[in-house]
Amino acid sequence: MFCERDDRVLFNDLAFSLHEGELLQVQGSNGSGKTTLLRILCGLNSSYEGELFWEGVPIDEDRETFLASLLYLGHRVGVNKILTARENLRWSAALHSPKTDQDIDAALEAVGLMGYADITCRNMSAGQQQRVSLARLLLSPARLWVLDEPFTTLDVSGVKILENLLAAHVAQGGAVLVTTHHQLDVPCSMRRLNLDK
C-alpha cells in the first residue's frame, strides 16, 4: 500500500495481515500515518494505492460484508453529549442489532459506569465519556475492532478494563487493530507494526 499526504509519503510498500484471535498494535511517531491507515482500512479515506482484503476477498468486491464485520472507534470520543449514556448506546446498537436496557446496563457496568446510565454525557468527565464509547465494543457483533487511541483520557482502572476487553475479544476469535502510545499489557497474541521503520 502507498499513501501520500501533503506531498509527503506516509508509507510505501506497506503490507501486513491480521488474523482471527490476534491483536495488531500500529505504532509510530506523531504524523507517521497511524490514523490515516486506520481510516483507509475503514473506507473513510480513499487517498491511497493498493488493495485491501477481508477473508481473502478484495474489500471493494464485498464492502457490505466487511463493514458489517467492523467496529471503528475513532480518535474522538464519538458520543452525543446531550444524550445519556444509555441513549447513546441504544442509538449505536440500533445500527446493527438493537439491545435491551439490561444489555446496555451490563455493558456500562463492565466499563465501570454502573449507575451512570441516565446521566447526560455532557455531565461526565472526558474519561467517563470515553468509557461510554468503549461500552459499544460489548454491544457490537463486529469481529474486527479498529481502535484509534482508545486509551486517551482513561485512568488506571479504565486502562485495565480496556486491556481486558481487548484480550477477551481476541480470545473469542476476534481481531483487533489498535493505535496507541500506551504500552499494552494484554495476555493474548499480539504483534506490532511500526510505521516509522
N, C-alpha and C. Protein backbone atom coordinates (compact mmCIF):
# COMPACT_ATOMS: atom_id res chain seq x y z
N MET A 1 0.84 -1.17 0.00
CA MET A 1 0.00 0.00 0.00
C MET A 1 0.89 1.24 0.00
N PHE A 2 0.45 2.25 -0.73
CA PHE A 2 1.16 3.53 -0.82
C PHE A 2 0.20 4.64 -0.43
N CYS A 3 0.68 5.58 0.38
CA CYS A 3 -0.15 6.73 0.74
C CYS A 3 0.73 7.96 0.89
N GLU A 4 0.26 9.05 0.28
CA GLU A 4 0.97 10.32 0.34
C GLU A 4 -0.03 11.38 0.82
N ARG A 5 0.43 12.26 1.70
CA ARG A 5 -0.42 13.35 2.18
C ARG A 5 0.41 14.61 2.24
N ASP A 6 -0.14 15.69 1.69
CA ASP A 6 0.54 16.97 1.68
C ASP A 6 1.96 16.85 1.10
N ASP A 7 2.06 16.15 -0.03
CA ASP A 7 3.35 15.95 -0.72
C ASP A 7 4.38 15.22 0.13
N ARG A 8 3.92 14.45 1.09
CA ARG A 8 4.83 13.67 1.94
C ARG A 8 4.35 12.22 1.95
N VAL A 9 5.26 11.30 1.66
CA VAL A 9 4.90 9.88 1.65
C VAL A 9 4.77 9.40 3.10
N LEU A 10 3.58 8.91 3.44
CA LEU A 10 3.37 8.37 4.78
C LEU A 10 3.86 6.93 4.85
N PHE A 11 3.49 6.14 3.85
CA PHE A 11 4.01 4.77 3.78
C PHE A 11 4.02 4.31 2.33
N ASN A 12 4.98 3.43 2.06
CA ASN A 12 5.18 2.91 0.72
C ASN A 12 5.49 1.42 0.85
N ASP A 13 4.92 0.61 0.00
CA ASP A 13 5.11 -0.84 0.06
C ASP A 13 4.71 -1.40 1.42
N LEU A 14 3.68 -0.84 2.04
CA LEU A 14 3.19 -1.34 3.33
C LEU A 14 2.31 -2.56 3.08
N ALA A 15 2.65 -3.64 3.73
CA ALA A 15 1.85 -4.87 3.63
C ALA A 15 1.82 -5.54 5.00
N PHE A 16 0.65 -5.96 5.41
CA PHE A 16 0.52 -6.68 6.68
C PHE A 16 -0.78 -7.48 6.66
N SER A 17 -0.89 -8.39 7.59
CA SER A 17 -2.11 -9.18 7.73
C SER A 17 -2.53 -9.18 9.20
N LEU A 18 -3.79 -9.44 9.41
CA LEU A 18 -4.35 -9.56 10.75
C LEU A 18 -5.30 -10.75 10.73
N HIS A 19 -5.10 -11.66 11.66
CA HIS A 19 -5.88 -12.89 11.68
C HIS A 19 -6.83 -12.93 12.86
N GLU A 20 -7.80 -13.83 12.78
CA GLU A 20 -8.69 -14.07 13.92
C GLU A 20 -7.86 -14.43 15.13
N GLY A 21 -8.28 -13.97 16.30
CA GLY A 21 -7.56 -14.29 17.51
C GLY A 21 -6.24 -13.57 17.64
N GLU A 22 -6.15 -12.38 17.05
CA GLU A 22 -4.88 -11.65 17.07
C GLU A 22 -5.12 -10.15 17.25
N LEU A 23 -4.17 -9.52 17.94
CA LEU A 23 -4.18 -8.07 18.13
C LEU A 23 -2.95 -7.51 17.43
N LEU A 24 -3.15 -6.47 16.63
CA LEU A 24 -2.05 -5.80 15.95
C LEU A 24 -2.02 -4.35 16.42
N GLN A 25 -0.93 -3.96 17.06
CA GLN A 25 -0.75 -2.59 17.52
C GLN A 25 0.05 -1.82 16.47
N VAL A 26 -0.55 -0.76 15.95
CA VAL A 26 0.13 0.10 14.99
C VAL A 26 0.83 1.20 15.78
N GLN A 27 2.14 1.29 15.59
CA GLN A 27 2.94 2.27 16.30
C GLN A 27 3.56 3.25 15.33
N GLY A 28 4.03 4.35 15.86
CA GLY A 28 4.71 5.34 15.05
C GLY A 28 4.65 6.69 15.72
N SER A 29 5.55 7.55 15.30
CA SER A 29 5.58 8.90 15.86
C SER A 29 4.37 9.69 15.38
N ASN A 30 4.13 10.83 16.01
CA ASN A 30 3.04 11.71 15.57
C ASN A 30 3.26 12.09 14.12
N GLY A 31 2.20 11.95 13.33
CA GLY A 31 2.29 12.30 11.91
C GLY A 31 2.80 11.19 11.02
N SER A 32 3.02 10.00 11.58
CA SER A 32 3.56 8.89 10.77
C SER A 32 2.50 8.21 9.91
N GLY A 33 1.22 8.51 10.16
CA GLY A 33 0.16 7.94 9.32
C GLY A 33 -0.70 6.90 10.00
N LYS A 34 -0.63 6.79 11.31
CA LYS A 34 -1.40 5.76 12.02
C LYS A 34 -2.91 5.94 11.81
N THR A 35 -3.39 7.14 12.08
CA THR A 35 -4.82 7.39 11.92
C THR A 35 -5.22 7.29 10.46
N THR A 36 -4.39 7.79 9.57
CA THR A 36 -4.69 7.70 8.13
C THR A 36 -4.83 6.24 7.72
N LEU A 37 -3.94 5.38 8.19
CA LEU A 37 -4.01 3.97 7.86
C LEU A 37 -5.33 3.37 8.34
N LEU A 38 -5.72 3.65 9.57
CA LEU A 38 -6.98 3.11 10.08
C LEU A 38 -8.16 3.62 9.28
N ARG A 39 -8.14 4.88 8.94
CA ARG A 39 -9.25 5.45 8.15
C ARG A 39 -9.30 4.84 6.74
N ILE A 40 -8.15 4.54 6.18
CA ILE A 40 -8.12 3.86 4.87
C ILE A 40 -8.77 2.49 5.00
N LEU A 41 -8.37 1.75 6.02
CA LEU A 41 -8.90 0.39 6.20
C LEU A 41 -10.41 0.39 6.41
N CYS A 42 -10.93 1.45 7.02
CA CYS A 42 -12.37 1.53 7.31
C CYS A 42 -13.17 2.19 6.18
N GLY A 43 -12.50 2.53 5.09
CA GLY A 43 -13.19 3.13 3.96
C GLY A 43 -13.47 4.61 4.11
N LEU A 44 -12.78 5.27 5.03
CA LEU A 44 -13.03 6.70 5.28
C LEU A 44 -11.99 7.59 4.62
N ASN A 45 -11.05 7.00 3.93
CA ASN A 45 -10.01 7.75 3.23
C ASN A 45 -9.64 6.96 1.98
N SER A 46 -9.82 7.57 0.83
CA SER A 46 -9.53 6.86 -0.43
C SER A 46 -8.23 7.32 -1.08
N SER A 47 -7.43 8.10 -0.36
CA SER A 47 -6.18 8.63 -0.91
C SER A 47 -5.03 7.65 -0.73
N TYR A 48 -5.11 6.53 -1.40
CA TYR A 48 -4.05 5.52 -1.30
C TYR A 48 -4.04 4.69 -2.57
N GLU A 49 -2.96 3.96 -2.75
CA GLU A 49 -2.86 2.99 -3.83
C GLU A 49 -2.59 1.64 -3.20
N GLY A 50 -3.29 0.63 -3.65
CA GLY A 50 -3.09 -0.71 -3.13
C GLY A 50 -4.41 -1.45 -2.99
N GLU A 51 -4.33 -2.64 -2.45
CA GLU A 51 -5.51 -3.48 -2.30
C GLU A 51 -5.70 -3.88 -0.85
N LEU A 52 -6.96 -3.96 -0.45
CA LEU A 52 -7.34 -4.42 0.88
C LEU A 52 -8.21 -5.65 0.74
N PHE A 53 -7.97 -6.63 1.60
CA PHE A 53 -8.73 -7.88 1.53
C PHE A 53 -9.37 -8.18 2.88
N TRP A 54 -10.55 -8.79 2.83
CA TRP A 54 -11.22 -9.29 4.02
C TRP A 54 -11.58 -10.74 3.74
N GLU A 55 -11.03 -11.63 4.51
CA GLU A 55 -11.25 -13.08 4.34
C GLU A 55 -10.90 -13.51 2.92
N GLY A 56 -9.81 -12.95 2.39
CA GLY A 56 -9.31 -13.34 1.08
C GLY A 56 -10.00 -12.71 -0.11
N VAL A 57 -11.02 -11.87 0.14
CA VAL A 57 -11.78 -11.23 -0.93
C VAL A 57 -11.48 -9.73 -0.90
N PRO A 58 -11.20 -9.13 -2.07
CA PRO A 58 -11.00 -7.68 -2.08
C PRO A 58 -12.19 -6.96 -1.45
N ILE A 59 -11.91 -6.04 -0.56
CA ILE A 59 -12.98 -5.34 0.14
C ILE A 59 -13.91 -4.64 -0.84
N ASP A 60 -13.37 -4.11 -1.92
CA ASP A 60 -14.21 -3.41 -2.91
C ASP A 60 -15.26 -4.32 -3.54
N GLU A 61 -15.01 -5.63 -3.54
CA GLU A 61 -15.96 -6.56 -4.14
C GLU A 61 -17.09 -6.94 -3.19
N ASP A 62 -16.88 -6.77 -1.88
CA ASP A 62 -17.94 -7.12 -0.92
C ASP A 62 -17.83 -6.21 0.31
N ARG A 63 -17.94 -4.91 0.05
CA ARG A 63 -17.79 -3.91 1.12
C ARG A 63 -18.83 -4.10 2.21
N GLU A 64 -20.04 -4.49 1.84
CA GLU A 64 -21.11 -4.64 2.83
C GLU A 64 -20.77 -5.70 3.89
N THR A 65 -20.24 -6.82 3.47
CA THR A 65 -19.85 -7.87 4.41
C THR A 65 -18.72 -7.39 5.31
N PHE A 66 -17.76 -6.70 4.73
CA PHE A 66 -16.65 -6.19 5.52
C PHE A 66 -17.15 -5.19 6.57
N LEU A 67 -17.95 -4.23 6.15
CA LEU A 67 -18.42 -3.20 7.08
C LEU A 67 -19.30 -3.78 8.18
N ALA A 68 -20.03 -4.85 7.87
CA ALA A 68 -20.86 -5.50 8.88
C ALA A 68 -20.01 -6.20 9.94
N SER A 69 -18.76 -6.50 9.58
CA SER A 69 -17.85 -7.20 10.49
C SER A 69 -16.95 -6.24 11.27
N LEU A 70 -17.10 -4.95 11.06
CA LEU A 70 -16.17 -3.94 11.55
C LEU A 70 -16.81 -3.01 12.57
N LEU A 71 -16.07 -2.70 13.61
CA LEU A 71 -16.43 -1.61 14.52
C LEU A 71 -15.23 -0.69 14.62
N TYR A 72 -15.43 0.56 14.22
CA TYR A 72 -14.36 1.56 14.23
C TYR A 72 -14.66 2.59 15.30
N LEU A 73 -13.73 2.77 16.21
CA LEU A 73 -13.82 3.86 17.18
C LEU A 73 -12.66 4.80 16.88
N GLY A 74 -13.00 5.99 16.40
CA GLY A 74 -12.00 6.95 16.01
C GLY A 74 -11.35 7.66 17.17
N HIS A 75 -10.50 8.60 16.82
CA HIS A 75 -9.71 9.34 17.82
C HIS A 75 -10.60 10.16 18.74
N ARG A 76 -11.71 10.65 18.23
CA ARG A 76 -12.65 11.41 19.06
C ARG A 76 -13.58 10.45 19.79
N VAL A 77 -14.12 10.90 20.88
CA VAL A 77 -14.88 10.01 21.77
C VAL A 77 -16.15 9.47 21.11
N GLY A 78 -16.78 10.22 20.23
CA GLY A 78 -17.91 9.69 19.47
C GLY A 78 -19.19 9.50 20.24
N VAL A 79 -19.45 10.34 21.24
CA VAL A 79 -20.74 10.29 21.93
C VAL A 79 -21.43 11.63 21.75
N ASN A 80 -22.76 11.58 21.72
CA ASN A 80 -23.56 12.80 21.67
C ASN A 80 -23.73 13.29 23.10
N LYS A 81 -23.19 14.45 23.39
CA LYS A 81 -23.12 14.92 24.77
C LYS A 81 -24.47 15.31 25.35
N ILE A 82 -25.48 15.55 24.51
CA ILE A 82 -26.79 15.90 25.07
C ILE A 82 -27.63 14.66 25.39
N LEU A 83 -27.15 13.49 24.97
CA LEU A 83 -27.84 12.24 25.27
C LEU A 83 -27.24 11.61 26.52
N THR A 84 -28.02 10.74 27.15
CA THR A 84 -27.50 9.98 28.28
C THR A 84 -26.60 8.86 27.77
N ALA A 85 -25.90 8.24 28.68
CA ALA A 85 -25.07 7.10 28.30
C ALA A 85 -25.92 6.01 27.65
N ARG A 86 -27.06 5.70 28.27
CA ARG A 86 -27.94 4.65 27.72
C ARG A 86 -28.47 5.04 26.35
N GLU A 87 -28.86 6.30 26.16
CA GLU A 87 -29.39 6.74 24.87
C GLU A 87 -28.31 6.65 23.79
N ASN A 88 -27.09 7.03 24.10
CA ASN A 88 -26.00 6.91 23.14
C ASN A 88 -25.81 5.46 22.72
N LEU A 89 -25.79 4.55 23.68
CA LEU A 89 -25.55 3.14 23.37
C LEU A 89 -26.75 2.51 22.67
N ARG A 90 -27.94 2.91 23.03
CA ARG A 90 -29.14 2.39 22.36
C ARG A 90 -29.11 2.78 20.88
N TRP A 91 -28.76 4.04 20.60
CA TRP A 91 -28.71 4.50 19.22
C TRP A 91 -27.62 3.76 18.45
N SER A 92 -26.45 3.63 19.05
CA SER A 92 -25.33 2.95 18.38
C SER A 92 -25.67 1.49 18.09
N ALA A 93 -26.23 0.80 19.07
CA ALA A 93 -26.56 -0.62 18.89
C ALA A 93 -27.64 -0.81 17.84
N ALA A 94 -28.57 0.13 17.73
CA ALA A 94 -29.67 0.01 16.77
C ALA A 94 -29.19 -0.01 15.33
N LEU A 95 -27.97 0.47 15.08
CA LEU A 95 -27.43 0.44 13.73
C LEU A 95 -27.18 -0.99 13.24
N HIS A 96 -26.95 -1.92 14.19
CA HIS A 96 -26.67 -3.31 13.82
C HIS A 96 -27.68 -4.28 14.41
N SER A 97 -27.81 -4.27 15.72
CA SER A 97 -28.75 -5.18 16.37
C SER A 97 -29.21 -4.53 17.68
N PRO A 98 -30.45 -4.09 17.75
CA PRO A 98 -30.95 -3.42 18.94
C PRO A 98 -30.71 -4.24 20.21
N LYS A 99 -30.44 -3.53 21.30
CA LYS A 99 -30.16 -4.17 22.59
C LYS A 99 -31.17 -3.71 23.62
N THR A 100 -31.38 -4.54 24.62
CA THR A 100 -32.28 -4.18 25.71
C THR A 100 -31.56 -3.25 26.68
N ASP A 101 -32.34 -2.59 27.52
CA ASP A 101 -31.73 -1.75 28.55
C ASP A 101 -30.86 -2.58 29.48
N GLN A 102 -31.22 -3.83 29.69
CA GLN A 102 -30.40 -4.70 30.54
C GLN A 102 -29.04 -4.97 29.90
N ASP A 103 -29.03 -5.19 28.59
CA ASP A 103 -27.76 -5.37 27.87
C ASP A 103 -26.89 -4.12 27.98
N ILE A 104 -27.53 -2.98 27.80
CA ILE A 104 -26.80 -1.71 27.85
C ILE A 104 -26.26 -1.45 29.25
N ASP A 105 -27.10 -1.71 30.26
CA ASP A 105 -26.64 -1.51 31.63
C ASP A 105 -25.49 -2.44 31.98
N ALA A 106 -25.54 -3.68 31.48
CA ALA A 106 -24.44 -4.64 31.73
C ALA A 106 -23.15 -4.15 31.07
N ALA A 107 -23.26 -3.57 29.87
CA ALA A 107 -22.07 -3.04 29.19
C ALA A 107 -21.50 -1.85 29.96
N LEU A 108 -22.37 -0.99 30.45
CA LEU A 108 -21.91 0.16 31.24
C LEU A 108 -21.25 -0.31 32.53
N GLU A 109 -21.82 -1.31 33.16
CA GLU A 109 -21.20 -1.84 34.38
C GLU A 109 -19.82 -2.43 34.08
N ALA A 110 -19.70 -3.11 32.95
CA ALA A 110 -18.43 -3.74 32.59
C ALA A 110 -17.32 -2.72 32.36
N VAL A 111 -17.68 -1.50 31.95
CA VAL A 111 -16.67 -0.47 31.73
C VAL A 111 -16.56 0.48 32.93
N GLY A 112 -17.17 0.10 34.04
CA GLY A 112 -17.03 0.89 35.27
C GLY A 112 -17.98 2.06 35.39
N LEU A 113 -19.12 2.00 34.70
CA LEU A 113 -20.07 3.10 34.75
C LEU A 113 -21.43 2.69 35.32
N MET A 114 -21.42 1.74 36.24
CA MET A 114 -22.67 1.34 36.88
C MET A 114 -23.28 2.56 37.58
N GLY A 115 -24.57 2.79 37.32
CA GLY A 115 -25.25 3.92 37.93
C GLY A 115 -25.19 5.19 37.10
N TYR A 116 -24.53 5.15 35.93
CA TYR A 116 -24.40 6.33 35.08
C TYR A 116 -25.28 6.27 33.83
N ALA A 117 -26.14 5.28 33.73
CA ALA A 117 -26.90 5.07 32.50
C ALA A 117 -27.76 6.27 32.13
N ASP A 118 -28.30 6.97 33.10
CA ASP A 118 -29.22 8.06 32.82
C ASP A 118 -28.60 9.45 33.00
N ILE A 119 -27.29 9.50 33.07
CA ILE A 119 -26.57 10.77 33.17
C ILE A 119 -26.24 11.25 31.76
N THR A 120 -26.51 12.52 31.47
CA THR A 120 -26.15 13.03 30.15
C THR A 120 -24.62 13.08 30.04
N CYS A 121 -24.14 12.79 28.87
CA CYS A 121 -22.69 12.70 28.68
C CYS A 121 -21.99 14.04 28.89
N ARG A 122 -22.68 15.15 28.70
CA ARG A 122 -22.05 16.45 28.94
C ARG A 122 -21.73 16.66 30.41
N ASN A 123 -22.38 15.89 31.29
CA ASN A 123 -22.12 15.98 32.73
C ASN A 123 -21.11 14.94 33.20
N MET A 124 -20.45 14.29 32.26
CA MET A 124 -19.43 13.29 32.59
C MET A 124 -18.05 13.84 32.28
N SER A 125 -17.06 13.29 32.93
CA SER A 125 -15.68 13.65 32.63
C SER A 125 -15.30 13.08 31.26
N ALA A 126 -14.18 13.53 30.72
CA ALA A 126 -13.70 13.02 29.44
C ALA A 126 -13.45 11.52 29.51
N GLY A 127 -12.90 11.05 30.63
CA GLY A 127 -12.66 9.62 30.79
C GLY A 127 -13.94 8.82 30.85
N GLN A 128 -14.97 9.36 31.50
CA GLN A 128 -16.26 8.66 31.55
C GLN A 128 -16.91 8.63 30.17
N GLN A 129 -16.79 9.71 29.43
CA GLN A 129 -17.33 9.72 28.06
C GLN A 129 -16.61 8.67 27.21
N GLN A 130 -15.31 8.54 27.39
CA GLN A 130 -14.55 7.52 26.66
C GLN A 130 -15.04 6.13 27.04
N ARG A 131 -15.37 5.91 28.29
CA ARG A 131 -15.89 4.61 28.72
C ARG A 131 -17.25 4.32 28.09
N VAL A 132 -18.09 5.34 27.94
CA VAL A 132 -19.37 5.15 27.24
C VAL A 132 -19.09 4.67 25.82
N SER A 133 -18.16 5.32 25.16
CA SER A 133 -17.80 4.92 23.80
C SER A 133 -17.29 3.47 23.77
N LEU A 134 -16.45 3.12 24.73
CA LEU A 134 -15.90 1.76 24.77
C LEU A 134 -16.95 0.71 25.07
N ALA A 135 -18.02 1.09 25.75
CA ALA A 135 -19.10 0.13 26.02
C ALA A 135 -19.71 -0.38 24.72
N ARG A 136 -19.57 0.40 23.64
CA ARG A 136 -20.07 -0.05 22.33
C ARG A 136 -19.40 -1.35 21.91
N LEU A 137 -18.16 -1.56 22.33
CA LEU A 137 -17.46 -2.80 21.98
C LEU A 137 -18.23 -4.02 22.47
N LEU A 138 -18.82 -3.89 23.64
CA LEU A 138 -19.53 -5.02 24.24
C LEU A 138 -20.90 -5.26 23.63
N LEU A 139 -21.42 -4.29 22.92
CA LEU A 139 -22.76 -4.39 22.34
C LEU A 139 -22.74 -4.70 20.85
N SER A 140 -21.56 -4.70 20.26
CA SER A 140 -21.43 -4.88 18.82
C SER A 140 -21.12 -6.34 18.47
N PRO A 141 -21.71 -6.84 17.39
CA PRO A 141 -21.38 -8.19 16.93
C PRO A 141 -20.10 -8.22 16.07
N ALA A 142 -19.47 -7.07 15.87
CA ALA A 142 -18.31 -6.98 14.97
C ALA A 142 -17.18 -7.89 15.41
N ARG A 143 -16.57 -8.55 14.43
CA ARG A 143 -15.43 -9.43 14.70
C ARG A 143 -14.11 -8.68 14.64
N LEU A 144 -14.10 -7.56 13.92
CA LEU A 144 -12.89 -6.75 13.78
C LEU A 144 -13.10 -5.41 14.46
N TRP A 145 -12.28 -5.15 15.46
CA TRP A 145 -12.30 -3.85 16.14
C TRP A 145 -11.11 -3.04 15.63
N VAL A 146 -11.38 -1.84 15.15
CA VAL A 146 -10.35 -0.91 14.72
C VAL A 146 -10.45 0.30 15.64
N LEU A 147 -9.42 0.48 16.46
CA LEU A 147 -9.48 1.47 17.54
C LEU A 147 -8.31 2.44 17.43
N ASP A 148 -8.64 3.73 17.38
CA ASP A 148 -7.64 4.77 17.25
C ASP A 148 -7.46 5.48 18.58
N GLU A 149 -6.36 5.23 19.24
CA GLU A 149 -6.01 5.84 20.53
C GLU A 149 -7.13 5.69 21.57
N PRO A 150 -7.59 4.47 21.82
CA PRO A 150 -8.72 4.29 22.74
C PRO A 150 -8.37 4.51 24.22
N PHE A 151 -7.08 4.58 24.54
CA PHE A 151 -6.68 4.74 25.94
C PHE A 151 -6.64 6.21 26.38
N THR A 152 -6.82 7.13 25.41
CA THR A 152 -6.78 8.55 25.72
C THR A 152 -7.83 8.88 26.78
N THR A 153 -7.45 9.60 27.77
CA THR A 153 -8.28 10.10 28.89
C THR A 153 -8.65 9.04 29.92
N LEU A 154 -8.27 7.79 29.72
CA LEU A 154 -8.63 6.75 30.69
C LEU A 154 -7.68 6.78 31.89
N ASP A 155 -8.25 6.55 33.07
CA ASP A 155 -7.43 6.42 34.27
C ASP A 155 -6.89 4.99 34.35
N VAL A 156 -6.17 4.69 35.41
CA VAL A 156 -5.51 3.38 35.54
C VAL A 156 -6.52 2.24 35.48
N SER A 157 -7.65 2.39 36.17
CA SER A 157 -8.64 1.30 36.15
C SER A 157 -9.28 1.19 34.78
N GLY A 158 -9.50 2.32 34.10
CA GLY A 158 -10.05 2.28 32.75
C GLY A 158 -9.12 1.60 31.77
N VAL A 159 -7.83 1.85 31.91
CA VAL A 159 -6.83 1.19 31.06
C VAL A 159 -6.91 -0.32 31.24
N LYS A 160 -6.99 -0.77 32.48
CA LYS A 160 -7.05 -2.21 32.76
C LYS A 160 -8.33 -2.82 32.19
N ILE A 161 -9.45 -2.11 32.35
CA ILE A 161 -10.72 -2.60 31.80
C ILE A 161 -10.60 -2.78 30.29
N LEU A 162 -10.04 -1.77 29.61
CA LEU A 162 -9.92 -1.86 28.15
C LEU A 162 -8.96 -2.97 27.74
N GLU A 163 -7.84 -3.11 28.42
CA GLU A 163 -6.92 -4.20 28.09
C GLU A 163 -7.61 -5.55 28.24
N ASN A 164 -8.43 -5.70 29.27
CA ASN A 164 -9.17 -6.96 29.46
C ASN A 164 -10.20 -7.17 28.35
N LEU A 165 -10.86 -6.10 27.91
CA LEU A 165 -11.83 -6.22 26.81
C LEU A 165 -11.13 -6.67 25.53
N LEU A 166 -9.97 -6.09 25.26
CA LEU A 166 -9.21 -6.47 24.06
C LEU A 166 -8.81 -7.94 24.11
N ALA A 167 -8.29 -8.36 25.26
CA ALA A 167 -7.85 -9.75 25.42
C ALA A 167 -9.02 -10.71 25.28
N ALA A 168 -10.17 -10.36 25.86
CA ALA A 168 -11.35 -11.23 25.79
C ALA A 168 -11.84 -11.36 24.34
N HIS A 169 -11.84 -10.25 23.61
CA HIS A 169 -12.28 -10.28 22.21
C HIS A 169 -11.36 -11.18 21.38
N VAL A 170 -10.07 -11.05 21.57
CA VAL A 170 -9.11 -11.87 20.85
C VAL A 170 -9.28 -13.35 21.24
N ALA A 171 -9.49 -13.61 22.53
CA ALA A 171 -9.66 -14.99 22.99
C ALA A 171 -10.90 -15.65 22.39
N GLN A 172 -11.89 -14.84 22.04
CA GLN A 172 -13.12 -15.36 21.43
C GLN A 172 -13.02 -15.44 19.91
N GLY A 173 -11.82 -15.22 19.38
CA GLY A 173 -11.62 -15.33 17.94
C GLY A 173 -11.75 -14.02 17.18
N GLY A 174 -11.92 -12.93 17.90
CA GLY A 174 -11.99 -11.63 17.25
C GLY A 174 -10.61 -11.13 16.87
N ALA A 175 -10.58 -10.03 16.14
CA ALA A 175 -9.32 -9.40 15.74
C ALA A 175 -9.37 -7.94 16.14
N VAL A 176 -8.23 -7.41 16.55
CA VAL A 176 -8.14 -6.02 16.98
C VAL A 176 -6.97 -5.34 16.28
N LEU A 177 -7.24 -4.18 15.72
CA LEU A 177 -6.21 -3.31 15.17
C LEU A 177 -6.28 -2.02 15.96
N VAL A 178 -5.21 -1.67 16.64
CA VAL A 178 -5.25 -0.53 17.56
C VAL A 178 -4.02 0.34 17.42
N THR A 179 -4.24 1.66 17.46
CA THR A 179 -3.12 2.59 17.57
C THR A 179 -3.11 3.10 19.00
N THR A 180 -1.96 3.14 19.59
CA THR A 180 -1.83 3.69 20.93
C THR A 180 -0.36 3.93 21.24
N HIS A 181 -0.12 4.96 22.02
CA HIS A 181 1.22 5.21 22.54
C HIS A 181 1.38 4.50 23.88
N HIS A 182 0.29 3.92 24.36
CA HIS A 182 0.29 3.18 25.62
C HIS A 182 1.03 1.85 25.44
N GLN A 183 1.78 1.45 26.44
CA GLN A 183 2.46 0.16 26.41
C GLN A 183 1.45 -0.92 26.79
N LEU A 184 0.96 -1.64 25.81
CA LEU A 184 -0.09 -2.62 26.05
C LEU A 184 0.39 -3.77 26.92
N ASP A 185 -0.47 -4.18 27.84
CA ASP A 185 -0.21 -5.33 28.70
C ASP A 185 -1.42 -6.24 28.58
N VAL A 186 -1.46 -7.02 27.50
CA VAL A 186 -2.61 -7.88 27.23
C VAL A 186 -2.15 -9.33 27.10
N PRO A 187 -2.85 -10.23 27.78
CA PRO A 187 -2.48 -11.65 27.70
C PRO A 187 -3.09 -12.33 26.47
N CYS A 188 -2.64 -11.92 25.29
CA CYS A 188 -3.17 -12.53 24.07
C CYS A 188 -2.12 -12.41 22.98
N SER A 189 -2.41 -13.05 21.86
CA SER A 189 -1.50 -12.99 20.72
C SER A 189 -1.45 -11.56 20.19
N MET A 190 -0.26 -10.97 20.21
CA MET A 190 -0.13 -9.57 19.81
C MET A 190 1.12 -9.38 18.95
N ARG A 191 0.96 -8.59 17.89
CA ARG A 191 2.08 -8.18 17.06
C ARG A 191 2.08 -6.67 16.96
N ARG A 192 3.21 -6.12 16.53
CA ARG A 192 3.32 -4.67 16.37
C ARG A 192 3.73 -4.34 14.93
N LEU A 193 3.17 -3.25 14.42
CA LEU A 193 3.51 -2.72 13.11
C LEU A 193 3.98 -1.29 13.35
N ASN A 194 5.26 -1.02 13.07
CA ASN A 194 5.83 0.29 13.32
C ASN A 194 5.94 1.05 12.00
N LEU A 195 5.19 2.15 11.88
CA LEU A 195 5.20 2.92 10.65
C LEU A 195 6.43 3.81 10.52
N ASP A 196 7.25 3.90 11.57
CA ASP A 196 8.47 4.69 11.49
C ASP A 196 9.60 3.93 10.80
N LYS A 197 9.45 2.64 10.62
CA LYS A 197 10.54 1.83 10.04
C LYS A 197 10.41 1.75 8.54
